[in-house]
Amino acid sequence: MEILQDLLTRLPARHRQALEWYRVHAGTEQSWPAGVSDAEGTILLATRAKGIYKPNWSDYALSARQVLKSRYPEKGPYFREDGTWIYGYFQENNEPEARDSMFTNRALMRCWKDSVPVGVMRQTSPKPLVRYEVLGLALVAGWDDGYFFFEGFGPAGLARPPGIATEVELLSREQEKLVPSIADFDALNAIDARERKCSKLLTSCHTKGWPQT
């Protein structure tokens, strides 16, 4: 299991303080986060301009936000019995091959590469009373076909190791929603297909120097 506290201690104080808001408020509904204060001023936790927020003081993405009626799709989230969760978040830009043209996507890729947690929230109600479900903190477990796959931390501050298993589980759960019963879903064929696709992804990651877990 991945231990949240161990990952946070490697980060600068300002980064830790911002992520702490997402840890404390995980599992709650909130209005727009006002930010938190430190010696340098107010630390923003998200931006209305973009779904992925990369602060100018960091090379990493701080948070990912999904809105109602977004032009970008999502998968999940799905929660496990131990409180951990998985979620598929689509990159900025509709074309997967254009991923690295956006600085926000590159910032999330750095989070994947260096195992830096990200705050995640989803809009649950529209204006005038906008509310967000705070999923909490997650690791970027991988990327495929435009989607970033998040492996979320549970209440105990533990998360399952990021990797291809996250994507396979998420896509399997998505498929279950589309068939009358699990018996109609050939999970082995789906996993084989994902493994073939991931083989190509790993080759791409190796070329770009991204993590291959």
N, C-alpha and C. Protein backbone atom coordinates (compact mmCIF):
# COMPACT_ATOMS: atom_id res chain seq x y z
N MET A 1 0.84 -1.20 0.00
CA MET A 1 0.00 0.00 0.00
C MET A 1 0.87 1.26 0.00
N GLU A 2 0.37 2.31 -0.60
CA GLU A 2 1.04 3.61 -0.59
C GLU A 2 0.62 4.37 0.67
N ILE A 3 1.57 4.96 1.36
CA ILE A 3 1.29 5.68 2.60
C ILE A 3 1.31 7.18 2.31
N LEU A 4 0.16 7.84 2.51
CA LEU A 4 0.03 9.24 2.17
C LEU A 4 1.03 10.11 2.91
N GLN A 5 1.18 9.90 4.19
CA GLN A 5 2.05 10.76 4.98
C GLN A 5 3.48 10.73 4.47
N ASP A 6 3.95 9.57 4.04
CA ASP A 6 5.31 9.46 3.51
C ASP A 6 5.48 10.29 2.24
N LEU A 7 4.44 10.31 1.42
CA LEU A 7 4.51 11.07 0.17
C LEU A 7 4.43 12.57 0.42
N LEU A 8 3.62 12.97 1.39
CA LEU A 8 3.46 14.40 1.67
C LEU A 8 4.71 15.01 2.29
N THR A 9 5.42 14.24 3.10
CA THR A 9 6.60 14.80 3.77
C THR A 9 7.70 15.18 2.79
N ARG A 10 7.66 14.67 1.59
CA ARG A 10 8.68 15.00 0.59
C ARG A 10 8.42 16.35 -0.09
N LEU A 11 7.22 16.89 0.11
CA LEU A 11 6.82 18.10 -0.61
C LEU A 11 7.10 19.36 0.20
N PRO A 12 7.23 20.51 -0.48
CA PRO A 12 7.40 21.79 0.24
C PRO A 12 6.19 22.07 1.13
N ALA A 13 6.39 22.88 2.16
CA ALA A 13 5.33 23.16 3.14
C ALA A 13 4.07 23.71 2.48
N ARG A 14 4.22 24.61 1.53
CA ARG A 14 3.05 25.22 0.88
C ARG A 14 2.24 24.17 0.13
N HIS A 15 2.91 23.26 -0.53
CA HIS A 15 2.24 22.20 -1.27
C HIS A 15 1.51 21.26 -0.31
N ARG A 16 2.18 20.90 0.78
CA ARG A 16 1.57 20.03 1.79
C ARG A 16 0.32 20.68 2.38
N GLN A 17 0.39 21.95 2.68
CA GLN A 17 -0.73 22.64 3.30
C GLN A 17 -1.94 22.67 2.38
N ALA A 18 -1.71 22.88 1.09
CA ALA A 18 -2.81 22.90 0.14
C ALA A 18 -3.45 21.51 0.01
N LEU A 19 -2.64 20.48 -0.07
CA LEU A 19 -3.18 19.12 -0.19
C LEU A 19 -3.89 18.69 1.08
N GLU A 20 -3.46 19.24 2.20
CA GLU A 20 -4.09 18.88 3.47
C GLU A 20 -5.58 19.24 3.47
N TRP A 21 -5.95 20.32 2.79
CA TRP A 21 -7.36 20.68 2.71
C TRP A 21 -8.17 19.56 2.10
N TYR A 22 -7.66 18.96 1.03
CA TYR A 22 -8.37 17.86 0.37
C TYR A 22 -8.41 16.61 1.25
N ARG A 23 -7.38 16.39 2.03
CA ARG A 23 -7.39 15.24 2.94
C ARG A 23 -8.44 15.42 4.02
N VAL A 24 -8.46 16.60 4.63
CA VAL A 24 -9.39 16.87 5.73
C VAL A 24 -10.84 16.84 5.26
N HIS A 25 -11.11 17.33 4.05
CA HIS A 25 -12.48 17.46 3.56
C HIS A 25 -12.92 16.29 2.68
N ALA A 26 -12.13 15.26 2.58
CA ALA A 26 -12.50 14.09 1.77
C ALA A 26 -13.83 13.51 2.24
N GLY A 27 -14.70 13.20 1.28
CA GLY A 27 -15.99 12.61 1.61
C GLY A 27 -17.07 13.62 1.96
N THR A 28 -16.78 14.91 1.81
CA THR A 28 -17.77 15.95 2.14
C THR A 28 -18.17 16.71 0.88
N GLU A 29 -19.25 17.48 1.00
CA GLU A 29 -19.64 18.40 -0.06
C GLU A 29 -19.31 19.81 0.39
N GLN A 30 -18.74 20.58 -0.51
CA GLN A 30 -18.28 21.92 -0.20
C GLN A 30 -18.69 22.89 -1.29
N SER A 31 -18.77 24.17 -0.93
CA SER A 31 -18.89 25.21 -1.94
C SER A 31 -17.50 25.43 -2.53
N TRP A 32 -17.35 26.45 -3.34
CA TRP A 32 -16.05 26.71 -3.94
C TRP A 32 -15.00 26.91 -2.84
N PRO A 33 -13.88 26.16 -2.86
CA PRO A 33 -12.87 26.30 -1.80
C PRO A 33 -12.21 27.67 -1.82
N ALA A 34 -12.24 28.32 -0.69
CA ALA A 34 -11.74 29.70 -0.61
C ALA A 34 -10.22 29.76 -0.60
N GLY A 35 -9.57 28.66 -0.34
CA GLY A 35 -8.12 28.66 -0.24
C GLY A 35 -7.68 28.65 1.21
N VAL A 36 -6.42 28.43 1.42
CA VAL A 36 -5.86 28.43 2.77
C VAL A 36 -4.73 29.45 2.83
N SER A 37 -4.44 29.93 4.02
CA SER A 37 -3.45 31.00 4.17
C SER A 37 -2.14 30.46 4.71
N ASP A 38 -1.06 31.05 4.23
CA ASP A 38 0.26 30.80 4.80
C ASP A 38 1.00 32.13 4.87
N ALA A 39 2.29 32.09 5.21
CA ALA A 39 3.06 33.32 5.40
C ALA A 39 3.17 34.15 4.12
N GLU A 40 2.98 33.51 2.97
CA GLU A 40 3.12 34.21 1.70
C GLU A 40 1.78 34.70 1.15
N GLY A 41 0.68 34.41 1.85
CA GLY A 41 -0.63 34.85 1.39
C GLY A 41 -1.61 33.70 1.31
N THR A 42 -2.56 33.79 0.37
CA THR A 42 -3.59 32.76 0.19
C THR A 42 -3.14 31.74 -0.84
N ILE A 43 -3.27 30.48 -0.48
CA ILE A 43 -2.95 29.39 -1.39
C ILE A 43 -4.24 28.94 -2.06
N LEU A 44 -4.35 29.16 -3.36
CA LEU A 44 -5.53 28.71 -4.09
C LEU A 44 -5.52 27.19 -4.18
N LEU A 45 -6.71 26.60 -4.15
CA LEU A 45 -6.84 25.14 -4.18
C LEU A 45 -7.36 24.63 -5.51
N ALA A 46 -7.91 25.52 -6.32
CA ALA A 46 -8.44 25.17 -7.63
C ALA A 46 -8.59 26.47 -8.42
N THR A 47 -8.87 26.34 -9.70
CA THR A 47 -9.10 27.51 -10.53
C THR A 47 -10.37 27.30 -11.34
N ARG A 48 -11.15 28.37 -11.51
CA ARG A 48 -12.36 28.28 -12.32
C ARG A 48 -12.03 28.25 -13.81
N ALA A 49 -10.82 28.65 -14.16
CA ALA A 49 -10.44 28.74 -15.57
C ALA A 49 -10.22 27.37 -16.20
N LYS A 50 -9.75 26.42 -15.40
CA LYS A 50 -9.41 25.10 -15.93
C LYS A 50 -9.77 24.02 -14.91
N GLY A 51 -10.01 22.80 -15.41
CA GLY A 51 -10.29 21.70 -14.50
C GLY A 51 -9.06 21.26 -13.74
N ILE A 52 -7.92 21.29 -14.40
CA ILE A 52 -6.66 20.92 -13.77
C ILE A 52 -5.97 22.19 -13.31
N TYR A 53 -5.63 22.25 -12.03
CA TYR A 53 -4.99 23.45 -11.50
C TYR A 53 -3.52 23.18 -11.21
N LYS A 54 -2.66 23.94 -11.91
CA LYS A 54 -1.22 23.90 -11.66
C LYS A 54 -0.81 25.27 -11.12
N PRO A 55 -0.45 25.36 -9.85
CA PRO A 55 -0.03 26.66 -9.30
C PRO A 55 1.26 27.14 -9.97
N ASN A 56 1.45 28.45 -10.00
CA ASN A 56 2.67 28.97 -10.61
C ASN A 56 3.90 28.72 -9.74
N TRP A 57 3.69 28.28 -8.49
CA TRP A 57 4.81 28.01 -7.60
C TRP A 57 5.22 26.54 -7.59
N SER A 58 4.64 25.74 -8.48
CA SER A 58 4.95 24.32 -8.49
C SER A 58 5.02 23.79 -9.92
N ASP A 59 5.80 22.75 -10.11
CA ASP A 59 5.85 22.07 -11.40
C ASP A 59 4.74 21.02 -11.52
N TYR A 60 4.04 20.77 -10.41
CA TYR A 60 3.04 19.70 -10.36
C TYR A 60 1.63 20.26 -10.35
N ALA A 61 0.68 19.46 -10.81
CA ALA A 61 -0.72 19.80 -10.67
C ALA A 61 -1.11 19.64 -9.20
N LEU A 62 -1.93 20.55 -8.71
CA LEU A 62 -2.40 20.49 -7.33
C LEU A 62 -3.75 19.80 -7.23
N SER A 63 -4.62 20.05 -8.21
CA SER A 63 -5.96 19.49 -8.12
C SER A 63 -6.56 19.25 -9.50
N ALA A 64 -7.60 18.39 -9.52
CA ALA A 64 -8.36 18.11 -10.74
C ALA A 64 -9.84 18.22 -10.38
N ARG A 65 -10.58 18.97 -11.18
CA ARG A 65 -11.98 19.27 -10.88
C ARG A 65 -12.85 18.91 -12.08
N GLN A 66 -13.94 18.17 -11.82
CA GLN A 66 -14.91 17.84 -12.86
C GLN A 66 -16.18 18.65 -12.63
N VAL A 67 -16.73 19.23 -13.69
CA VAL A 67 -17.94 20.04 -13.57
C VAL A 67 -19.10 19.33 -14.26
N LEU A 68 -20.33 19.72 -13.85
CA LEU A 68 -21.52 19.21 -14.51
C LEU A 68 -21.56 19.67 -15.96
N LYS A 69 -22.04 18.80 -16.82
CA LYS A 69 -22.16 19.11 -18.25
C LYS A 69 -20.81 19.47 -18.88
N SER A 70 -19.76 18.86 -18.35
CA SER A 70 -18.43 19.10 -18.92
C SER A 70 -18.33 18.50 -20.32
N ARG A 71 -17.56 19.13 -21.17
CA ARG A 71 -17.32 18.56 -22.50
C ARG A 71 -16.35 17.39 -22.43
N TYR A 72 -15.75 17.19 -21.25
CA TYR A 72 -14.84 16.07 -21.06
C TYR A 72 -15.53 14.96 -20.28
N PRO A 73 -15.43 13.71 -20.72
CA PRO A 73 -16.10 12.61 -20.03
C PRO A 73 -15.35 12.20 -18.77
N GLU A 74 -15.97 11.33 -17.99
CA GLU A 74 -15.34 10.78 -16.79
C GLU A 74 -15.73 9.32 -16.66
N LYS A 75 -15.01 8.60 -15.85
CA LYS A 75 -15.32 7.20 -15.54
C LYS A 75 -15.31 7.05 -14.02
N GLY A 76 -16.44 6.62 -13.46
CA GLY A 76 -16.53 6.49 -12.02
C GLY A 76 -16.98 7.80 -11.39
N PRO A 77 -16.66 7.99 -10.11
CA PRO A 77 -15.74 7.20 -9.29
C PRO A 77 -16.42 5.95 -8.72
N TYR A 78 -15.56 4.99 -8.31
CA TYR A 78 -16.01 3.78 -7.66
C TYR A 78 -15.25 3.63 -6.34
N PHE A 79 -16.01 3.36 -5.30
CA PHE A 79 -15.42 3.24 -3.96
C PHE A 79 -15.36 1.77 -3.54
N ARG A 80 -14.26 1.41 -2.92
CA ARG A 80 -14.10 0.05 -2.40
C ARG A 80 -14.50 0.01 -0.93
N GLU A 81 -14.61 -1.20 -0.39
CA GLU A 81 -15.03 -1.37 1.00
C GLU A 81 -14.05 -0.75 1.98
N ASP A 82 -12.77 -0.70 1.61
CA ASP A 82 -11.77 -0.14 2.53
C ASP A 82 -11.67 1.38 2.45
N GLY A 83 -12.54 2.00 1.63
CA GLY A 83 -12.54 3.45 1.52
C GLY A 83 -11.67 4.00 0.41
N THR A 84 -10.83 3.16 -0.19
CA THR A 84 -10.05 3.61 -1.35
C THR A 84 -10.99 3.71 -2.55
N TRP A 85 -10.56 4.38 -3.59
CA TRP A 85 -11.43 4.62 -4.73
C TRP A 85 -10.63 4.79 -6.01
N ILE A 86 -11.32 4.66 -7.13
CA ILE A 86 -10.71 4.81 -8.45
C ILE A 86 -11.58 5.73 -9.29
N TYR A 87 -10.94 6.45 -10.19
CA TYR A 87 -11.65 7.45 -10.97
C TYR A 87 -10.89 7.72 -12.26
N GLY A 88 -11.63 7.84 -13.36
CA GLY A 88 -11.04 8.17 -14.64
C GLY A 88 -11.36 9.61 -15.03
N TYR A 89 -10.34 10.42 -15.17
CA TYR A 89 -10.49 11.85 -15.44
C TYR A 89 -9.87 12.17 -16.79
N PHE A 90 -10.67 12.76 -17.69
CA PHE A 90 -10.16 13.04 -19.03
C PHE A 90 -9.26 14.27 -19.04
N GLN A 91 -8.21 14.17 -19.82
CA GLN A 91 -7.22 15.25 -19.94
C GLN A 91 -7.84 16.52 -20.51
N GLU A 92 -7.10 17.60 -20.44
CA GLU A 92 -7.47 18.82 -21.15
C GLU A 92 -7.06 18.64 -22.61
N ASN A 93 -7.99 18.91 -23.52
CA ASN A 93 -7.85 18.71 -24.96
C ASN A 93 -8.50 17.37 -25.33
N ASN A 94 -9.41 17.42 -26.29
CA ASN A 94 -10.17 16.23 -26.68
C ASN A 94 -9.35 15.20 -27.43
N GLU A 95 -8.20 15.59 -27.94
CA GLU A 95 -7.38 14.68 -28.73
C GLU A 95 -6.28 14.06 -27.86
N PRO A 96 -6.34 12.75 -27.60
CA PRO A 96 -5.32 12.13 -26.75
C PRO A 96 -3.89 12.39 -27.21
N GLU A 97 -3.68 12.40 -28.52
CA GLU A 97 -2.32 12.58 -29.03
C GLU A 97 -1.79 13.99 -28.78
N ALA A 98 -2.68 14.91 -28.43
CA ALA A 98 -2.28 16.29 -28.14
C ALA A 98 -2.07 16.52 -26.64
N ARG A 99 -2.03 15.46 -25.87
CA ARG A 99 -1.91 15.58 -24.41
C ARG A 99 -0.80 16.53 -23.98
N ASP A 100 0.39 16.35 -24.49
CA ASP A 100 1.54 17.10 -24.00
C ASP A 100 1.61 18.52 -24.52
N SER A 101 0.63 18.91 -25.34
CA SER A 101 0.58 20.31 -25.79
C SER A 101 0.01 21.23 -24.71
N MET A 102 -0.59 20.64 -23.66
CA MET A 102 -1.22 21.41 -22.59
C MET A 102 -0.38 21.33 -21.33
N PHE A 103 -0.05 22.48 -20.75
CA PHE A 103 0.81 22.49 -19.57
C PHE A 103 0.14 21.82 -18.38
N THR A 104 -1.20 21.85 -18.35
CA THR A 104 -1.92 21.20 -17.25
C THR A 104 -1.74 19.67 -17.31
N ASN A 105 -1.86 19.12 -18.50
CA ASN A 105 -1.66 17.68 -18.65
C ASN A 105 -0.23 17.28 -18.30
N ARG A 106 0.71 18.10 -18.72
CA ARG A 106 2.11 17.79 -18.41
C ARG A 106 2.34 17.81 -16.90
N ALA A 107 1.64 18.72 -16.21
CA ALA A 107 1.78 18.80 -14.75
C ALA A 107 1.24 17.55 -14.07
N LEU A 108 0.12 17.00 -14.59
CA LEU A 108 -0.40 15.75 -14.04
C LEU A 108 0.52 14.58 -14.36
N MET A 109 1.14 14.61 -15.52
CA MET A 109 2.10 13.56 -15.86
C MET A 109 3.29 13.58 -14.90
N ARG A 110 3.70 14.77 -14.48
CA ARG A 110 4.78 14.86 -13.50
C ARG A 110 4.35 14.26 -12.17
N CYS A 111 3.07 14.49 -11.82
CA CYS A 111 2.56 13.87 -10.59
C CYS A 111 2.64 12.36 -10.68
N TRP A 112 2.33 11.81 -11.83
CA TRP A 112 2.44 10.37 -12.04
C TRP A 112 3.89 9.92 -11.90
N LYS A 113 4.76 10.62 -12.59
CA LYS A 113 6.16 10.24 -12.60
C LYS A 113 6.77 10.24 -11.20
N ASP A 114 6.44 11.25 -10.39
CA ASP A 114 7.08 11.44 -9.09
C ASP A 114 6.21 11.06 -7.89
N SER A 115 5.06 10.42 -8.15
CA SER A 115 4.15 9.98 -7.08
C SER A 115 3.75 11.13 -6.16
N VAL A 116 3.31 12.23 -6.77
CA VAL A 116 2.84 13.39 -6.02
C VAL A 116 1.31 13.35 -5.97
N PRO A 117 0.71 13.34 -4.78
CA PRO A 117 -0.76 13.28 -4.68
C PRO A 117 -1.44 14.51 -5.30
N VAL A 118 -2.69 14.30 -5.69
CA VAL A 118 -3.51 15.34 -6.32
C VAL A 118 -4.85 15.39 -5.61
N GLY A 119 -5.38 16.60 -5.38
CA GLY A 119 -6.72 16.75 -4.84
C GLY A 119 -7.75 16.60 -5.96
N VAL A 120 -8.86 15.91 -5.66
CA VAL A 120 -9.88 15.65 -6.68
C VAL A 120 -11.26 16.01 -6.14
N MET A 121 -12.03 16.74 -6.95
CA MET A 121 -13.41 17.05 -6.57
C MET A 121 -14.30 17.10 -7.80
N ARG A 122 -15.62 16.85 -7.58
CA ARG A 122 -16.59 16.79 -8.66
C ARG A 122 -17.79 17.66 -8.32
N GLN A 123 -18.25 18.44 -9.27
CA GLN A 123 -19.42 19.28 -9.04
C GLN A 123 -20.67 18.40 -8.92
N THR A 124 -21.51 18.69 -7.94
CA THR A 124 -22.72 17.91 -7.71
C THR A 124 -24.01 18.70 -7.90
N SER A 125 -23.92 20.02 -7.88
CA SER A 125 -25.13 20.84 -8.09
C SER A 125 -24.75 22.10 -8.87
N PRO A 126 -25.68 22.60 -9.70
CA PRO A 126 -25.40 23.76 -10.55
C PRO A 126 -25.63 25.07 -9.82
N LYS A 127 -25.40 26.17 -10.53
CA LYS A 127 -25.68 27.49 -10.01
C LYS A 127 -27.17 27.61 -9.72
N PRO A 128 -27.60 28.38 -8.74
CA PRO A 128 -26.79 29.33 -7.97
C PRO A 128 -26.14 28.73 -6.72
N LEU A 129 -26.46 27.48 -6.40
CA LEU A 129 -25.88 26.86 -5.20
C LEU A 129 -24.92 25.75 -5.63
N VAL A 130 -23.80 26.16 -6.19
CA VAL A 130 -22.81 25.20 -6.67
C VAL A 130 -22.18 24.47 -5.49
N ARG A 131 -22.13 23.16 -5.61
CA ARG A 131 -21.50 22.33 -4.57
C ARG A 131 -20.58 21.32 -5.24
N TYR A 132 -19.56 20.91 -4.49
CA TYR A 132 -18.59 19.94 -4.99
C TYR A 132 -18.45 18.79 -4.01
N GLU A 133 -18.41 17.58 -4.55
CA GLU A 133 -18.05 16.41 -3.76
C GLU A 133 -16.52 16.32 -3.75
N VAL A 134 -15.94 16.37 -2.57
CA VAL A 134 -14.48 16.26 -2.45
C VAL A 134 -14.14 14.78 -2.32
N LEU A 135 -13.57 14.22 -3.37
CA LEU A 135 -13.18 12.81 -3.31
C LEU A 135 -11.97 12.62 -2.40
N GLY A 136 -11.12 13.63 -2.36
CA GLY A 136 -9.94 13.57 -1.50
C GLY A 136 -8.66 13.59 -2.31
N LEU A 137 -7.66 12.91 -1.81
CA LEU A 137 -6.35 12.86 -2.46
C LEU A 137 -6.17 11.54 -3.20
N ALA A 138 -5.45 11.62 -4.30
CA ALA A 138 -5.21 10.43 -5.12
C ALA A 138 -3.85 10.49 -5.76
N LEU A 139 -3.37 9.34 -6.16
CA LEU A 139 -2.18 9.24 -7.00
C LEU A 139 -2.62 9.03 -8.44
N VAL A 140 -1.87 9.59 -9.37
CA VAL A 140 -2.11 9.29 -10.77
C VAL A 140 -1.56 7.89 -11.01
N ALA A 141 -2.46 6.95 -11.33
CA ALA A 141 -2.06 5.56 -11.49
C ALA A 141 -1.61 5.24 -12.91
N GLY A 142 -2.01 6.10 -13.85
CA GLY A 142 -1.63 5.85 -15.24
C GLY A 142 -2.39 6.78 -16.17
N TRP A 143 -2.14 6.61 -17.44
CA TRP A 143 -2.81 7.39 -18.49
C TRP A 143 -3.03 6.49 -19.68
N ASP A 144 -4.20 6.61 -20.31
CA ASP A 144 -4.47 5.81 -21.50
C ASP A 144 -5.61 6.44 -22.28
N ASP A 145 -5.38 6.67 -23.57
CA ASP A 145 -6.43 7.11 -24.49
C ASP A 145 -7.14 8.37 -23.99
N GLY A 146 -6.38 9.27 -23.41
CA GLY A 146 -6.94 10.55 -22.96
C GLY A 146 -7.31 10.60 -21.50
N TYR A 147 -7.39 9.46 -20.84
CA TYR A 147 -7.80 9.42 -19.43
C TYR A 147 -6.61 9.32 -18.49
N PHE A 148 -6.65 10.13 -17.42
CA PHE A 148 -5.79 9.93 -16.28
C PHE A 148 -6.55 9.04 -15.30
N PHE A 149 -5.90 8.00 -14.82
CA PHE A 149 -6.54 7.09 -13.88
C PHE A 149 -6.03 7.39 -12.47
N PHE A 150 -6.97 7.72 -11.59
CA PHE A 150 -6.64 8.08 -10.21
C PHE A 150 -6.87 6.91 -9.27
N GLU A 151 -5.91 6.69 -8.38
CA GLU A 151 -6.02 5.71 -7.30
C GLU A 151 -6.11 6.49 -6.00
N GLY A 152 -7.32 6.49 -5.40
CA GLY A 152 -7.60 7.37 -4.27
C GLY A 152 -7.23 6.79 -2.91
N PHE A 153 -6.82 7.69 -2.01
CA PHE A 153 -6.50 7.30 -0.64
C PHE A 153 -7.76 7.15 0.18
N GLY A 154 -7.77 6.14 1.05
CA GLY A 154 -8.88 5.94 1.96
C GLY A 154 -8.70 6.74 3.23
N PRO A 155 -9.67 6.64 4.17
CA PRO A 155 -9.60 7.40 5.42
C PRO A 155 -8.36 7.11 6.26
N ALA A 156 -7.78 5.94 6.11
CA ALA A 156 -6.59 5.59 6.88
C ALA A 156 -5.31 6.16 6.27
N GLY A 157 -5.43 6.87 5.15
CA GLY A 157 -4.24 7.44 4.52
C GLY A 157 -3.46 6.44 3.71
N LEU A 158 -4.12 5.39 3.24
CA LEU A 158 -3.48 4.36 2.44
C LEU A 158 -4.15 4.27 1.07
N ALA A 159 -3.36 3.95 0.07
CA ALA A 159 -3.89 3.74 -1.28
C ALA A 159 -3.22 2.52 -1.89
N ARG A 160 -3.92 1.87 -2.77
CA ARG A 160 -3.34 0.72 -3.46
C ARG A 160 -2.27 1.22 -4.44
N PRO A 161 -1.24 0.41 -4.67
CA PRO A 161 -0.16 0.84 -5.57
C PRO A 161 -0.70 1.20 -6.95
N PRO A 162 -0.29 2.33 -7.51
CA PRO A 162 -0.76 2.70 -8.84
C PRO A 162 -0.17 1.78 -9.89
N GLY A 163 -0.94 1.57 -10.96
CA GLY A 163 -0.48 0.72 -12.04
C GLY A 163 -1.64 0.30 -12.92
N ILE A 164 -1.40 -0.67 -13.80
CA ILE A 164 -2.39 -1.10 -14.77
C ILE A 164 -3.62 -1.69 -14.11
N ALA A 165 -3.48 -2.26 -12.90
CA ALA A 165 -4.63 -2.85 -12.22
C ALA A 165 -5.73 -1.84 -11.98
N THR A 166 -5.37 -0.58 -11.74
CA THR A 166 -6.36 0.47 -11.54
C THR A 166 -7.21 0.66 -12.78
N GLU A 167 -6.56 0.74 -13.92
CA GLU A 167 -7.28 0.93 -15.17
C GLU A 167 -8.17 -0.25 -15.48
N VAL A 168 -7.65 -1.46 -15.30
CA VAL A 168 -8.43 -2.66 -15.59
C VAL A 168 -9.68 -2.72 -14.71
N GLU A 169 -9.51 -2.45 -13.41
CA GLU A 169 -10.66 -2.48 -12.51
C GLU A 169 -11.69 -1.42 -12.88
N LEU A 170 -11.22 -0.22 -13.19
CA LEU A 170 -12.13 0.86 -13.53
C LEU A 170 -12.92 0.54 -14.79
N LEU A 171 -12.24 0.06 -15.82
CA LEU A 171 -12.92 -0.25 -17.08
C LEU A 171 -13.86 -1.44 -16.92
N SER A 172 -13.50 -2.38 -16.06
CA SER A 172 -14.38 -3.52 -15.80
C SER A 172 -15.66 -3.05 -15.13
N ARG A 173 -15.53 -2.13 -14.17
CA ARG A 173 -16.72 -1.62 -13.49
C ARG A 173 -17.59 -0.81 -14.43
N GLU A 174 -16.97 -0.07 -15.34
CA GLU A 174 -17.73 0.68 -16.33
C GLU A 174 -18.50 -0.27 -17.24
N GLN A 175 -17.86 -1.37 -17.62
CA GLN A 175 -18.51 -2.34 -18.49
C GLN A 175 -19.69 -3.00 -17.80
N GLU A 176 -19.57 -3.23 -16.51
CA GLU A 176 -20.66 -3.86 -15.76
C GLU A 176 -21.93 -3.04 -15.84
N LYS A 177 -21.81 -1.73 -15.95
CA LYS A 177 -22.98 -0.87 -16.03
C LYS A 177 -23.70 -1.01 -17.37
N LEU A 178 -23.00 -1.54 -18.38
CA LEU A 178 -23.55 -1.59 -19.72
C LEU A 178 -24.16 -2.93 -20.07
N VAL A 179 -24.01 -3.94 -19.21
CA VAL A 179 -24.52 -5.28 -19.49
C VAL A 179 -25.52 -5.67 -18.42
N PRO A 180 -26.46 -6.57 -18.74
CA PRO A 180 -27.48 -6.95 -17.75
C PRO A 180 -26.91 -7.60 -16.50
N SER A 181 -25.83 -8.33 -16.64
CA SER A 181 -25.23 -8.99 -15.48
C SER A 181 -23.77 -9.20 -15.75
N ILE A 182 -23.02 -9.45 -14.67
CA ILE A 182 -21.59 -9.66 -14.81
C ILE A 182 -21.28 -10.90 -15.63
N ALA A 183 -22.22 -11.84 -15.69
CA ALA A 183 -21.99 -13.06 -16.45
C ALA A 183 -21.88 -12.78 -17.94
N ASP A 184 -22.47 -11.65 -18.39
CA ASP A 184 -22.43 -11.30 -19.81
C ASP A 184 -21.14 -10.59 -20.20
N PHE A 185 -20.28 -10.35 -19.23
CA PHE A 185 -19.06 -9.58 -19.50
C PHE A 185 -17.85 -10.51 -19.46
N ASP A 186 -17.13 -10.61 -20.57
CA ASP A 186 -15.94 -11.45 -20.63
C ASP A 186 -14.76 -10.66 -20.12
N ALA A 187 -14.55 -10.71 -18.81
CA ALA A 187 -13.51 -9.89 -18.18
C ALA A 187 -12.12 -10.27 -18.68
N LEU A 188 -11.90 -11.56 -18.93
CA LEU A 188 -10.56 -11.98 -19.37
C LEU A 188 -10.20 -11.36 -20.70
N ASN A 189 -11.16 -11.34 -21.64
CA ASN A 189 -10.89 -10.71 -22.93
C ASN A 189 -10.63 -9.23 -22.76
N ALA A 190 -11.37 -8.59 -21.85
CA ALA A 190 -11.16 -7.16 -21.61
C ALA A 190 -9.78 -6.90 -21.06
N ILE A 191 -9.35 -7.73 -20.12
CA ILE A 191 -8.03 -7.56 -19.53
C ILE A 191 -6.94 -7.80 -20.56
N ASP A 192 -7.13 -8.81 -21.41
CA ASP A 192 -6.16 -9.07 -22.47
C ASP A 192 -6.04 -7.86 -23.38
N ALA A 193 -7.19 -7.26 -23.71
CA ALA A 193 -7.17 -6.08 -24.59
C ALA A 193 -6.46 -4.93 -23.92
N ARG A 194 -6.71 -4.72 -22.61
CA ARG A 194 -6.05 -3.64 -21.90
C ARG A 194 -4.54 -3.88 -21.84
N GLU A 195 -4.15 -5.15 -21.63
CA GLU A 195 -2.72 -5.44 -21.54
C GLU A 195 -2.02 -5.17 -22.87
N ARG A 196 -2.70 -5.50 -23.98
CA ARG A 196 -2.10 -5.20 -25.28
C ARG A 196 -1.95 -3.69 -25.46
N LYS A 197 -2.98 -2.95 -25.06
CA LYS A 197 -2.92 -1.50 -25.20
C LYS A 197 -1.86 -0.92 -24.28
N CYS A 198 -1.76 -1.50 -23.07
CA CYS A 198 -0.78 -0.98 -22.11
C CYS A 198 0.65 -1.28 -22.55
N SER A 199 0.83 -2.34 -23.31
CA SER A 199 2.17 -2.62 -23.83
C SER A 199 2.64 -1.48 -24.72
N LYS A 200 1.71 -0.97 -25.54
CA LYS A 200 2.04 0.18 -26.38
C LYS A 200 2.29 1.41 -25.52
N LEU A 201 1.47 1.57 -24.47
CA LEU A 201 1.62 2.72 -23.58
C LEU A 201 2.97 2.70 -22.88
N LEU A 202 3.40 1.53 -22.42
CA LEU A 202 4.67 1.43 -21.73
C LEU A 202 5.83 1.81 -22.64
N THR A 203 5.70 1.42 -23.92
CA THR A 203 6.73 1.79 -24.88
C THR A 203 6.80 3.30 -25.02
N SER A 204 5.61 3.94 -25.09
CA SER A 204 5.56 5.40 -25.18
C SER A 204 6.13 6.05 -23.93
N CYS A 205 5.78 5.50 -22.75
CA CYS A 205 6.28 6.06 -21.49
C CYS A 205 7.79 5.97 -21.42
N HIS A 206 8.32 4.85 -21.88
CA HIS A 206 9.77 4.67 -21.84
C HIS A 206 10.45 5.72 -22.71
N THR A 207 9.86 5.98 -23.87
CA THR A 207 10.42 6.97 -24.78
C THR A 207 10.43 8.35 -24.14
N LYS A 208 9.35 8.69 -23.43
CA LYS A 208 9.21 10.01 -22.84
C LYS A 208 9.82 10.10 -21.45
N GLY A 209 10.24 8.97 -20.89
CA GLY A 209 10.81 8.98 -19.56
C GLY A 209 9.81 8.97 -18.45
N TRP A 210 8.50 8.63 -18.77
CA TRP A 210 7.46 8.58 -17.74
C TRP A 210 7.55 7.25 -17.00
N PRO A 211 6.94 7.15 -15.82
CA PRO A 211 6.97 5.91 -15.04
C PRO A 211 6.28 4.79 -15.78
N GLN A 212 6.74 3.55 -15.58
CA GLN A 212 6.22 2.42 -16.31
C GLN A 212 5.52 1.42 -15.38
N THR A 213 5.11 1.85 -14.18
CA THR A 213 4.42 0.96 -13.27
C THR A 213 2.96 0.83 -13.64
